[in-house]
Amino acid sequence: MDDLVSVRATVYGRVQGVFFRAFVEEQAQQLGLKGYVQGRIQA
């Protein structure tokens, strides 16, 4: 069985709409990663 690794990353700065999430999703798929993206409310 493969070893599982858990990583939490937070991205700060100006994110332009859905294109950032789409880019990250495409890169993750190419690397065989699984997970989710969660938006945060800006203060």
PDB file of N, CA and C in Angstrom:
ATOM      1  N   MET A   1       0.842  -1.170   0.000  1.00  0.00           N
ATOM      2  CA  MET A   1       0.000   0.000   0.000  1.00  0.00           C
ATOM      3  C   MET A   1       0.894   1.243   0.000  1.00  0.00           C
ATOM      4  N   ASP A   2       0.453   2.287  -0.727  1.00  0.00           N
ATOM      5  CA  ASP A   2       1.201   3.545  -0.761  1.00  0.00           C
ATOM      6  C   ASP A   2       1.015   4.297   0.548  1.00  0.00           C
ATOM      7  N   ASP A   3       2.053   5.021   0.945  1.00  0.00           N
ATOM      8  CA  ASP A   3       1.943   5.876   2.127  1.00  0.00           C
ATOM      9  C   ASP A   3       1.089   7.095   1.790  1.00  0.00           C
ATOM     10  N   LEU A   4       0.214   7.479   2.696  1.00  0.00           N
ATOM     11  CA  LEU A   4      -0.617   8.662   2.509  1.00  0.00           C
ATOM     12  C   LEU A   4       0.042   9.856   3.178  1.00  0.00           C
ATOM     13  N   VAL A   5      -0.048  10.998   2.534  1.00  0.00           N
ATOM     14  CA  VAL A   5       0.510  12.233   3.068  1.00  0.00           C
ATOM     15  C   VAL A   5      -0.593  13.271   3.087  1.00  0.00           C
ATOM     16  N   SER A   6      -0.665  14.018   4.163  1.00  0.00           N
ATOM     17  CA  SER A   6      -1.651  15.092   4.285  1.00  0.00           C
ATOM     18  C   SER A   6      -0.924  16.427   4.311  1.00  0.00           C
ATOM     19  N   VAL A   7      -1.408  17.368   3.503  1.00  0.00           N
ATOM     20  CA  VAL A   7      -0.801  18.691   3.437  1.00  0.00           C
ATOM     21  C   VAL A   7      -1.911  19.734   3.465  1.00  0.00           C
ATOM     22  N   ARG A   8      -1.695  20.802   4.230  1.00  0.00           N
ATOM     23  CA  ARG A   8      -2.622  21.938   4.238  1.00  0.00           C
ATOM     24  C   ARG A   8      -1.842  23.154   3.756  1.00  0.00           C
ATOM     25  N   ALA A   9      -2.383  23.822   2.747  1.00  0.00           N
ATOM     26  CA  ALA A   9      -1.729  25.016   2.204  1.00  0.00           C
ATOM     27  C   ALA A   9      -2.719  26.169   2.198  1.00  0.00           C
ATOM     28  N   THR A  10      -2.224  27.343   2.499  1.00  0.00           N
ATOM     29  CA  THR A  10      -3.041  28.549   2.444  1.00  0.00           C
ATOM     30  C   THR A  10      -2.397  29.510   1.463  1.00  0.00           C
ATOM     31  N   VAL A  11      -3.196  29.998   0.521  1.00  0.00           N
ATOM     32  CA  VAL A  11      -2.707  30.931  -0.488  1.00  0.00           C
ATOM     33  C   VAL A  11      -3.254  32.312  -0.149  1.00  0.00           C
ATOM     34  N   TYR A  12      -2.361  33.282  -0.062  1.00  0.00           N
ATOM     35  CA  TYR A  12      -2.750  34.660   0.251  1.00  0.00           C
ATOM     36  C   TYR A  12      -2.523  35.543  -0.965  1.00  0.00           C
ATOM     37  N   GLY A  13      -3.281  36.592  -1.052  1.00  0.00           N
ATOM     38  CA  GLY A  13      -3.087  37.572  -2.120  1.00  0.00           C
ATOM     39  C   GLY A  13      -4.328  37.699  -2.972  1.00  0.00           C
ATOM     40  N   ARG A  14      -4.189  38.420  -4.061  1.00  0.00           N
ATOM     41  CA  ARG A  14      -5.318  38.609  -4.973  1.00  0.00           C
ATOM     42  C   ARG A  14      -5.471  37.371  -5.838  1.00  0.00           C
ATOM     43  N   VAL A  15      -6.630  36.786  -5.762  1.00  0.00           N
ATOM     44  CA  VAL A  15      -6.947  35.616  -6.585  1.00  0.00           C
ATOM     45  C   VAL A  15      -8.048  36.051  -7.539  1.00  0.00           C
ATOM     46  N   GLN A  16      -7.817  35.863  -8.825  1.00  0.00           N
ATOM     47  CA  GLN A  16      -8.746  36.352  -9.839  1.00  0.00           C
ATOM     48  C   GLN A  16      -9.833  35.330 -10.147  1.00  0.00           C
ATOM     49  N   GLY A  17     -10.956  35.436  -9.468  1.00  0.00           N
ATOM     50  CA  GLY A  17     -12.135  34.634  -9.764  1.00  0.00           C
ATOM     51  C   GLY A  17     -11.895  33.139  -9.753  1.00  0.00           C
ATOM     52  N   VAL A  18     -12.617  32.436 -10.626  1.00  0.00           N
ATOM     53  CA  VAL A  18     -12.556  30.975 -10.666  1.00  0.00           C
ATOM     54  C   VAL A  18     -11.316  30.464 -11.392  1.00  0.00           C
ATOM     55  N   PHE A  19     -10.599  31.326 -12.089  1.00  0.00           N
ATOM     56  CA  PHE A  19      -9.476  30.859 -12.896  1.00  0.00           C
ATOM     57  C   PHE A  19      -8.345  30.302 -12.043  1.00  0.00           C
ATOM     58  N   PHE A  20      -8.127  30.863 -10.877  1.00  0.00           N
ATOM     59  CA  PHE A  20      -7.082  30.343  -9.995  1.00  0.00           C
ATOM     60  C   PHE A  20      -7.422  28.927  -9.557  1.00  0.00           C
ATOM     61  N   ARG A  21      -8.677  28.715  -9.129  1.00  0.00           N
ATOM     62  CA  ARG A  21      -9.092  27.377  -8.699  1.00  0.00           C
ATOM     63  C   ARG A  21      -9.008  26.384  -9.845  1.00  0.00           C
ATOM     64  N   ALA A  22      -9.412  26.803 -11.044  1.00  0.00           N
ATOM     65  CA  ALA A  22      -9.347  25.917 -12.208  1.00  0.00           C
ATOM     66  C   ALA A  22      -7.898  25.543 -12.512  1.00  0.00           C
ATOM     67  N   PHE A  23      -6.990  26.500 -12.418  1.00  0.00           N
ATOM     68  CA  PHE A  23      -5.575  26.236 -12.657  1.00  0.00           C
ATOM     69  C   PHE A  23      -5.025  25.240 -11.640  1.00  0.00           C
ATOM     70  N   VAL A  24      -5.335  25.476 -10.353  1.00  0.00           N
ATOM     71  CA  VAL A  24      -4.853  24.585  -9.296  1.00  0.00           C
ATOM     72  C   VAL A  24      -5.428  23.186  -9.483  1.00  0.00           C
ATOM     73  N   GLU A  25      -6.700  23.096  -9.838  1.00  0.00           N
ATOM     74  CA  GLU A  25      -7.326  21.783 -10.053  1.00  0.00           C
ATOM     75  C   GLU A  25      -6.637  21.035 -11.186  1.00  0.00           C
ATOM     76  N   GLU A  26      -6.351  21.726 -12.282  1.00  0.00           N
ATOM     77  CA  GLU A  26      -5.687  21.080 -13.417  1.00  0.00           C
ATOM     78  C   GLU A  26      -4.293  20.582 -13.035  1.00  0.00           C
ATOM     79  N   GLN A  27      -3.541  21.401 -12.320  1.00  0.00           N
ATOM     80  CA  GLN A  27      -2.200  21.003 -11.893  1.00  0.00           C
ATOM     81  C   GLN A  27      -2.259  19.799 -10.952  1.00  0.00           C
ATOM     82  N   ALA A  28      -3.211  19.818 -10.026  1.00  0.00           N
ATOM     83  CA  ALA A  28      -3.354  18.713  -9.075  1.00  0.00           C
ATOM     84  C   ALA A  28      -3.697  17.412  -9.800  1.00  0.00           C
ATOM     85  N   GLN A  29      -4.589  17.493 -10.780  1.00  0.00           N
ATOM     86  CA  GLN A  29      -4.954  16.295 -11.540  1.00  0.00           C
ATOM     87  C   GLN A  29      -3.750  15.733 -12.278  1.00  0.00           C
ATOM     88  N   GLN A  30      -2.943  16.598 -12.859  1.00  0.00           N
ATOM     89  CA  GLN A  30      -1.753  16.145 -13.583  1.00  0.00           C
ATOM     90  C   GLN A  30      -0.755  15.461 -12.657  1.00  0.00           C
ATOM     91  N   LEU A  31      -0.746  15.869 -11.392  1.00  0.00           N
ATOM     92  CA  LEU A  31       0.158  15.267 -10.409  1.00  0.00           C
ATOM     93  C   LEU A  31      -0.462  14.082  -9.677  1.00  0.00           C
ATOM     94  N   GLY A  32      -1.731  13.783  -9.975  1.00  0.00           N
ATOM     95  CA  GLY A  32      -2.405  12.663  -9.324  1.00  0.00           C
ATOM     96  C   GLY A  32      -2.804  12.950  -7.889  1.00  0.00           C
ATOM     97  N   LEU A  33      -2.994  14.236  -7.567  1.00  0.00           N
ATOM     98  CA  LEU A  33      -3.370  14.613  -6.204  1.00  0.00           C
ATOM     99  C   LEU A  33      -4.882  14.598  -6.036  1.00  0.00           C
ATOM    100  N   LYS A  34      -5.321  14.416  -4.816  1.00  0.00           N
ATOM    101  CA  LYS A  34      -6.742  14.443  -4.496  1.00  0.00           C
ATOM    102  C   LYS A  34      -6.946  15.376  -3.318  1.00  0.00           C
ATOM    103  N   GLY A  35      -8.098  16.040  -3.283  1.00  0.00           N
ATOM    104  CA  GLY A  35      -8.364  16.951  -2.179  1.00  0.00           C
ATOM    105  C   GLY A  35      -9.477  17.912  -2.520  1.00  0.00           C
ATOM    106  N   TYR A  36      -9.452  19.056  -1.870  1.00  0.00           N
ATOM    107  CA  TYR A  36     -10.493  20.051  -2.100  1.00  0.00           C
ATOM    108  C   TYR A  36      -9.944  21.453  -1.880  1.00  0.00           C
ATOM    109  N   VAL A  37     -10.698  22.422  -2.376  1.00  0.00           N
ATOM    110  CA  VAL A  37     -10.371  23.831  -2.186  1.00  0.00           C
ATOM    111  C   VAL A  37     -11.511  24.452  -1.412  1.00  0.00           C
ATOM    112  N   GLN A  38     -11.165  25.280  -0.460  1.00  0.00           N
ATOM    113  CA  GLN A  38     -12.179  25.938   0.355  1.00  0.00           C
ATOM    114  C   GLN A  38     -11.918  27.436   0.327  1.00  0.00           C
ATOM    115  N   GLY A  39     -12.932  28.212  -0.085  1.00  0.00           N
ATOM    116  CA  GLY A  39     -12.813  29.664  -0.074  1.00  0.00           C
ATOM    117  C   GLY A  39     -12.964  30.188   1.344  1.00  0.00           C
ATOM    118  N   ARG A  40     -12.336  31.316   1.612  1.00  0.00           N
ATOM    119  CA  ARG A  40     -12.428  31.933   2.936  1.00  0.00           C
ATOM    120  C   ARG A  40     -13.027  33.318   2.795  1.00  0.00           C
ATOM    121  N   ILE A  41     -13.763  33.732   3.784  1.00  0.00           N
ATOM    122  CA  ILE A  41     -14.353  35.061   3.788  1.00  0.00           C
ATOM    123  C   ILE A  41     -13.257  36.074   4.087  1.00  0.00           C
ATOM    124  N   GLN A  42     -13.197  37.121   3.277  1.00  0.00           N
ATOM    125  CA  GLN A  42     -12.186  38.152   3.485  1.00  0.00           C
ATOM    126  C   GLN A  42     -12.681  39.157   4.510  1.00  0.00           C
ATOM    127  N   ALA A  43     -11.800  39.571   5.388  1.00  0.00           N
ATOM    128  CA  ALA A  43     -12.168  40.546   6.423  1.00  0.00           C
ATOM    129  C   ALA A  43     -12.001  41.955   5.928  1.00  0.00           C
TER     130      ALA A  43
END
